[in-house]
Protein backbone atom coordinates (compact mmCIF):
# COMPACT_ATOMS: atom_id res chain seq x y z
CA UNK A 1 0.09 0.07 0.05
CA UNK A 2 1.35 3.44 -1.00
CA UNK A 3 1.89 6.17 1.49
CA UNK A 4 -1.02 8.16 -0.02
CA UNK A 5 -3.27 5.13 0.35
CA UNK A 6 -2.27 4.55 4.00
CA UNK A 7 -3.04 8.23 4.85
CA UNK A 8 -6.52 8.08 3.03
CA UNK A 9 -7.37 4.90 4.99
CA UNK A 10 -6.35 6.60 8.17
CA UNK A 11 -8.45 9.67 7.34
CA UNK A 12 -11.44 7.65 6.74
CA UNK A 13 -11.06 5.63 9.93
CA UNK A 14 -10.85 8.97 11.92
CA UNK A 15 -13.91 10.23 10.02
CA UNK A 16 -15.81 7.42 11.37
CA UNK A 17 -14.68 7.69 14.88
CA UNK A 18 -14.21 11.33 15.43
CA UNK A 19 -15.84 13.54 12.81
CA UNK A 20 -14.83 16.81 14.50
CA UNK A 21 -11.15 16.06 14.79
CA UNK A 22 -11.28 14.61 11.32
CA UNK A 23 -12.31 18.02 9.96
CA UNK A 24 -9.61 19.66 12.27
CA UNK A 25 -7.01 17.47 10.46
CA UNK A 26 -8.47 18.06 7.02
CA UNK A 27 -8.45 21.89 7.64
CA UNK A 28 -4.83 21.71 8.95
CA UNK A 29 -1.83 22.33 6.53
CA UNK A 30 -0.82 19.30 4.43
CA UNK A 31 2.41 18.98 6.10
CA UNK A 32 0.71 18.42 9.59
CA UNK A 33 -2.22 16.35 8.50
CA UNK A 34 -1.00 12.82 8.84
CA UNK A 35 0.67 13.50 12.20
CA UNK A 36 -2.63 15.00 13.51
CA UNK A 37 -4.46 11.97 12.14
CA UNK A 38 -2.19 9.68 13.99
CA UNK A 39 -2.65 11.77 17.23
CA UNK A 40 -6.32 11.94 16.95
CA UNK A 41 -6.79 8.18 15.91
CA UNK A 42 -4.89 7.20 19.07
CA UNK A 43 -7.32 9.44 21.09
CA UNK A 44 -10.20 7.97 19.32
CA UNK A 45 -9.13 4.43 20.11
CA UNK A 46 -8.72 4.91 23.88
CA UNK A 47 -11.77 7.20 24.10
CA UNK A 48 -13.93 4.40 22.47
CA UNK A 49 -12.86 1.78 24.75
CA UNK A 50 -15.70 2.37 27.28
CA UNK A 51 -18.27 1.78 24.67
CA UNK A 52 -16.72 -1.24 23.21
CA UNK A 53 -16.31 -3.46 26.28
CA UNK A 54 -18.97 -5.40 28.28
CA UNK A 55 -17.08 -5.48 31.64
CA UNK A 56 -15.22 -2.73 33.48
CA UNK A 57 -12.00 -5.00 34.03
CA UNK A 58 -11.94 -5.57 30.19
CA UNK A 59 -11.69 -1.87 29.65
CA UNK A 60 -9.12 -1.49 32.28
CA UNK A 61 -6.94 -4.18 30.69
CA UNK A 62 -7.25 -2.42 27.38
CA UNK A 63 -6.18 0.92 28.96
CA UNK A 64 -3.22 -0.89 30.61
CA UNK A 65 -2.17 -2.37 27.21
CA UNK A 66 -1.93 1.21 25.72
CA UNK A 67 0.16 2.29 28.89
CA UNK A 68 2.46 -0.64 28.24
CA UNK A 69 2.71 0.28 24.67
CA UNK A 70 3.59 3.98 25.44
CA UNK A 71 6.39 2.45 27.86
CA UNK A 72 7.64 0.32 25.23
CA UNK A 73 7.95 3.38 22.91
CA UNK A 74 9.80 5.11 25.48
CA UNK A 75 12.24 2.34 25.78
CA UNK A 76 12.65 2.20 22.01
CA UNK A 77 11.14 -1.29 21.51
CA UNK A 78 9.61 -2.24 18.20
CA UNK A 79 5.87 -3.14 18.00
CA UNK A 80 3.54 -4.96 15.54
CA UNK A 81 0.53 -2.84 16.13
CA UNK A 82 0.21 -0.40 13.16
CA UNK A 83 -1.13 2.47 15.32
CA UNK A 84 1.52 2.04 17.94
CA UNK A 85 4.30 2.03 15.08
CA UNK A 86 2.75 5.26 13.77
CA UNK A 87 2.62 6.77 17.22
CA UNK A 88 6.02 5.82 17.98
CA UNK A 89 7.33 7.70 14.83
CA UNK A 90 5.19 10.67 15.62
CA UNK A 91 6.61 10.85 19.31
CA UNK A 92 10.08 10.59 18.00
CA UNK A 93 9.86 13.24 15.31
CA UNK A 94 7.73 15.71 17.14
CA UNK A 95 9.06 15.13 20.67
CA UNK A 96 5.68 14.68 22.00
CA UNK A 97 5.41 14.89 25.86
CA UNK A 98 5.13 11.49 27.36
CA UNK A 99 3.34 12.68 30.45
CA UNK A 100 0.58 14.05 28.33
CA UNK A 101 0.09 10.92 26.41
CA UNK A 102 -0.18 9.08 29.59
CA UNK A 103 -2.70 11.60 30.75
CA UNK A 104 -4.98 10.84 27.82
CA UNK A 105 -5.00 7.06 28.76
CA UNK A 106 -5.50 7.67 32.61
CA UNK A 107 -8.42 10.05 32.05
CA UNK A 108 -10.31 7.21 30.27
CA UNK A 109 -10.54 5.24 33.45
CA UNK A 110 -13.29 7.35 34.51
CA UNK A 111 -15.19 6.33 31.28
CA UNK A 112 -14.70 2.75 31.84
CA UNK A 113 -15.66 2.81 35.58
CA UNK A 114 -18.79 4.91 34.77
CA UNK A 115 -17.97 7.52 37.56
CA UNK A 116 -19.92 10.73 37.78
CA UNK A 117 -17.71 13.71 38.75
CA UNK A 118 -18.43 15.02 42.21
CA UNK A 119 -18.72 18.57 41.17
CA UNK A 120 -17.90 20.95 38.27
CA UNK A 121 -14.25 21.32 39.28
CA UNK A 122 -13.86 17.50 38.90
CA UNK A 123 -15.65 17.62 35.53
CA UNK A 124 -13.33 20.35 34.41
CA UNK A 125 -10.17 18.36 35.53
CA UNK A 126 -11.47 15.41 33.33
CA UNK A 127 -11.79 17.61 30.36
CA UNK A 128 -8.58 19.16 30.92
CA UNK A 129 -6.79 15.71 31.26
CA UNK A 130 -8.51 14.38 28.06
CA UNK A 131 -9.43 17.06 25.40
CA UNK A 132 -7.07 19.69 27.14
CA UNK A 133 -4.05 17.41 26.95
CA UNK A 134 -4.90 16.36 23.45
CA UNK A 135 -4.86 19.97 22.29
CA UNK A 136 -1.61 20.59 23.96
CA UNK A 137 -0.12 17.56 22.16
CA UNK A 138 -1.49 18.78 18.90
CA UNK A 139 0.26 22.12 19.55
CA UNK A 140 3.57 20.27 19.89
CA UNK A 141 2.82 18.81 16.44
CA UNK A 142 2.31 22.31 15.01
CA UNK A 143 5.20 24.07 16.78
CA UNK A 144 8.75 22.75 17.65
CA UNK A 145 8.89 24.48 21.12
CA UNK A 146 5.78 26.08 22.11
CA UNK A 147 5.91 28.50 24.98
CA UNK A 148 4.13 28.06 28.16
CA UNK A 149 1.43 30.67 27.45
CA UNK A 150 0.78 29.03 24.06
CA UNK A 151 0.45 25.60 25.76
CA UNK A 152 -1.92 27.05 28.23
CA UNK A 153 -4.12 28.63 25.28
CA UNK A 154 -4.27 25.28 23.51
CA UNK A 155 -5.10 23.53 26.64
CA UNK A 156 -7.93 25.99 27.32
CA UNK A 157 -9.50 25.62 24.01
CA UNK A 158 -9.25 21.84 24.21
CA UNK A 159 -10.85 21.73 27.65
CA UNK A 160 -13.65 23.95 26.39
CA UNK A 161 -14.32 21.47 23.53
CA UNK A 162 -14.29 18.71 25.94
CA UNK A 163 -16.88 20.23 28.32
CA UNK A 164 -19.12 21.16 25.44
CA UNK A 165 -18.81 17.68 24.26
CA UNK A 166 -20.05 16.28 27.61
CA UNK A 167 -22.93 18.61 27.46
CA UNK A 168 -23.89 17.70 24.00
CA UNK A 169 -23.50 14.05 24.59
CA UNK A 170 -25.57 13.86 27.81
CA UNK A 171 -28.36 11.65 26.31
CA UNK A 172 -25.79 9.44 24.37
CA UNK A 173 -23.90 8.88 27.54
CA UNK A 174 -27.05 8.06 29.57
CA UNK A 175 -28.07 5.51 26.94
CA UNK A 176 -24.49 4.05 27.76
CA UNK A 177 -25.20 3.98 31.46
CA UNK A 178 -22.79 7.03 32.04
CA UNK A 179 -23.49 10.48 33.65
CA UNK A 180 -20.80 13.10 33.55
CA UNK A 181 -22.77 16.02 34.54
CA UNK A 182 -22.46 16.59 38.27
CA UNK A 183 -25.35 17.66 40.65
CA UNK A 184 -28.21 15.97 38.55
CA UNK A 185 -30.62 13.20 39.41
CA UNK A 186 -28.56 10.43 38.01
CA UNK A 187 -31.34 7.74 38.15
CA UNK A 188 -33.74 9.96 36.18
CA UNK A 189 -31.17 10.70 33.64
CA UNK A 190 -30.16 7.18 33.24
CA UNK A 191 -33.89 6.37 32.59
CA UNK A 192 -33.82 9.11 29.88
CA UNK A 193 -36.17 11.31 31.75
CA UNK A 194 -34.02 14.45 32.44
CA UNK A 195 -35.46 17.09 34.59
CA UNK A 196 -34.81 20.90 34.81
CA UNK A 197 -31.63 20.04 36.79
CA UNK A 198 -29.94 18.74 33.66
CA UNK A 199 -30.47 21.86 31.67
CA UNK A 200 -29.17 23.85 34.58
CA UNK A 201 -26.08 21.82 34.84
CA UNK A 202 -25.68 21.92 31.08
CA UNK A 203 -25.79 25.78 31.30
CA UNK A 204 -23.10 25.83 34.02
CA UNK A 205 -20.86 23.65 32.01
CA UNK A 206 -21.45 26.00 29.11
CA UNK A 207 -20.63 29.12 31.13
CA UNK A 208 -17.24 27.74 31.98
CA UNK A 209 -16.49 26.54 28.56
CA UNK A 210 -17.08 30.06 27.24
CA UNK A 211 -14.67 31.35 29.91
CA UNK A 212 -12.07 29.01 28.75
CA UNK A 213 -12.49 30.00 25.00
CA UNK A 214 -12.19 33.75 26.12
CA UNK A 215 -8.97 32.91 27.85
CA UNK A 216 -7.59 30.93 24.76
CA UNK A 217 -8.58 33.93 22.45
CA UNK A 218 -6.48 36.31 24.62
CA UNK A 219 -3.28 34.48 23.95
CA UNK A 220 -0.94 35.74 21.23
CA UNK A 221 -0.29 32.66 18.94
CA UNK A 222 1.60 32.33 15.65
CA UNK A 223 -0.60 31.20 12.59
CA UNK A 224 1.20 27.88 12.64
CA UNK A 225 -0.38 27.09 16.02
CA UNK A 226 -3.93 27.59 14.92
CA UNK A 227 -4.71 23.97 14.01
CA UNK A 228 -4.08 22.91 17.55
CA UNK A 229 -6.93 25.28 18.72
CA UNK A 230 -9.56 24.37 16.02
CA UNK A 231 -11.56 22.30 18.50
CA UNK A 232 -12.11 25.50 20.27
CA UNK A 233 -13.57 27.07 17.13
CA UNK A 234 -15.95 24.12 16.95
CA UNK A 235 -16.87 24.34 20.53
CA UNK A 236 -17.82 28.10 20.05
CA UNK A 237 -20.25 27.18 17.22
CA UNK A 238 -21.63 24.37 19.43
CA UNK A 239 -22.18 26.73 22.43
CA UNK A 240 -24.26 28.86 20.38
CA UNK A 241 -26.47 25.81 19.43
CA UNK A 242 -26.84 24.87 22.98
CA UNK A 243 -27.90 28.29 23.98
CA UNK A 244 -30.42 28.29 21.14
CA UNK A 245 -31.81 25.01 22.39
CA UNK A 246 -32.05 26.49 25.89
CA UNK A 247 -29.65 23.80 27.17
CA UNK A 248 -32.07 20.99 26.59
CA UNK A 249 -30.11 17.70 26.26
CA UNK A 250 -32.67 15.92 24.12
CA UNK A 251 -32.71 18.64 21.46
CA UNK A 252 -29.02 19.16 21.65
CA UNK A 253 -28.36 15.34 21.37
CA UNK A 254 -30.57 15.12 18.29
CA UNK A 255 -28.96 17.93 16.33
CA UNK A 256 -27.20 17.03 13.04
CA UNK A 257 -23.69 18.03 12.42
CA UNK A 258 -23.26 21.39 10.95
CA UNK A 259 -22.27 21.51 7.22
CA UNK A 260 -20.52 24.88 8.12
CA UNK A 261 -17.97 23.34 10.38
CA UNK A 262 -15.21 22.72 7.87
CA UNK A 263 -15.66 26.44 6.61
CA UNK A 264 -15.35 27.66 10.27
CA UNK A 265 -12.09 25.91 10.55
CA UNK A 266 -10.84 27.12 7.22
CA UNK A 267 -11.71 30.75 8.20
CA UNK A 268 -9.99 30.27 11.56
CA UNK A 269 -6.72 29.20 9.80
CA UNK A 270 -7.05 32.22 7.52
CA UNK A 271 -7.87 34.80 10.16
CA UNK A 272 -5.54 33.20 12.66
CA UNK A 273 -8.03 33.27 15.55
CA UNK A 274 -10.86 30.94 16.79
C-alpha cells in the first residue's frame, strides 16, 4: 500500500470515529495532516474503549495495554501494532510529551468505571486531562517548542471543547449508562427522563467553557499554532447551538452535525483566530 493510500485509509477511519477532529485534521496544512490524524486516531481508540467493552475489567485491561505500549515506545522497543508504530514515529519526530500521552489514557479510566464527577471542578479536571491534553499535544505537532502561554491557550481551547462535548453527549452517555454531569438526578437521567436540573447543569458547564474559550482567544499565537486550537472554534459554534436549544439535552443530542464546520475551521486558519 502506498503512503497516500495509507493516509487516506487513516483519514477515513478517523472520520468514522471522531468527525470533529477529522475536520480539524483536514483543515490543517498538508504537512501536519498525517501527524494530526495519527494523534487523533490514538485518542479515538482509547476514548472508544468504554463503549466497546462489556465489563469494566476488560476496559481497564485495554487501557493498561496502551500504557504498556507507551512505555515500550519510550524504551525504544519495536511493536507490531500499526497504530503503535505510527505513534512511535510521531513521538520521536515531534518530541511529544510522554506525560501528556499518559494523561490521555489515565483520563479514560473514569469512562470505563462509569464514574460521575463529584462537582464541576472535577468535571473540568477530566476535560483538561483528556481534550485539554490532546490539544496541547496537537500544539507540539504544530510548533517545535511552544511557549508556556501558548500551551495554556491550546489546553484551554481543548478543555472547552471537552466540556461542550460532555454537554452535547448527555443523552448518548446516559444510554450507555454513564453520567458526567455533576449535581443531577442520576437515576432520572439514566432512565432518559432528564429534569430541569440537567439543563441547569449543562448551562453551568457551557458558562465555564465560554470562559476557557475567552482565555484562549486572549493569547498571542502564531498562525502555525492555529490547527491545535481548531476544536475551540467548533466548541464556540456548538455553544451557540446549545444556547439556542435552551440547554435541553434531548434537542442538543438530536442535532445533526453542521455542514458549516469545515468552513469555520478554514476561516479560523485564514484569520488566525478561533
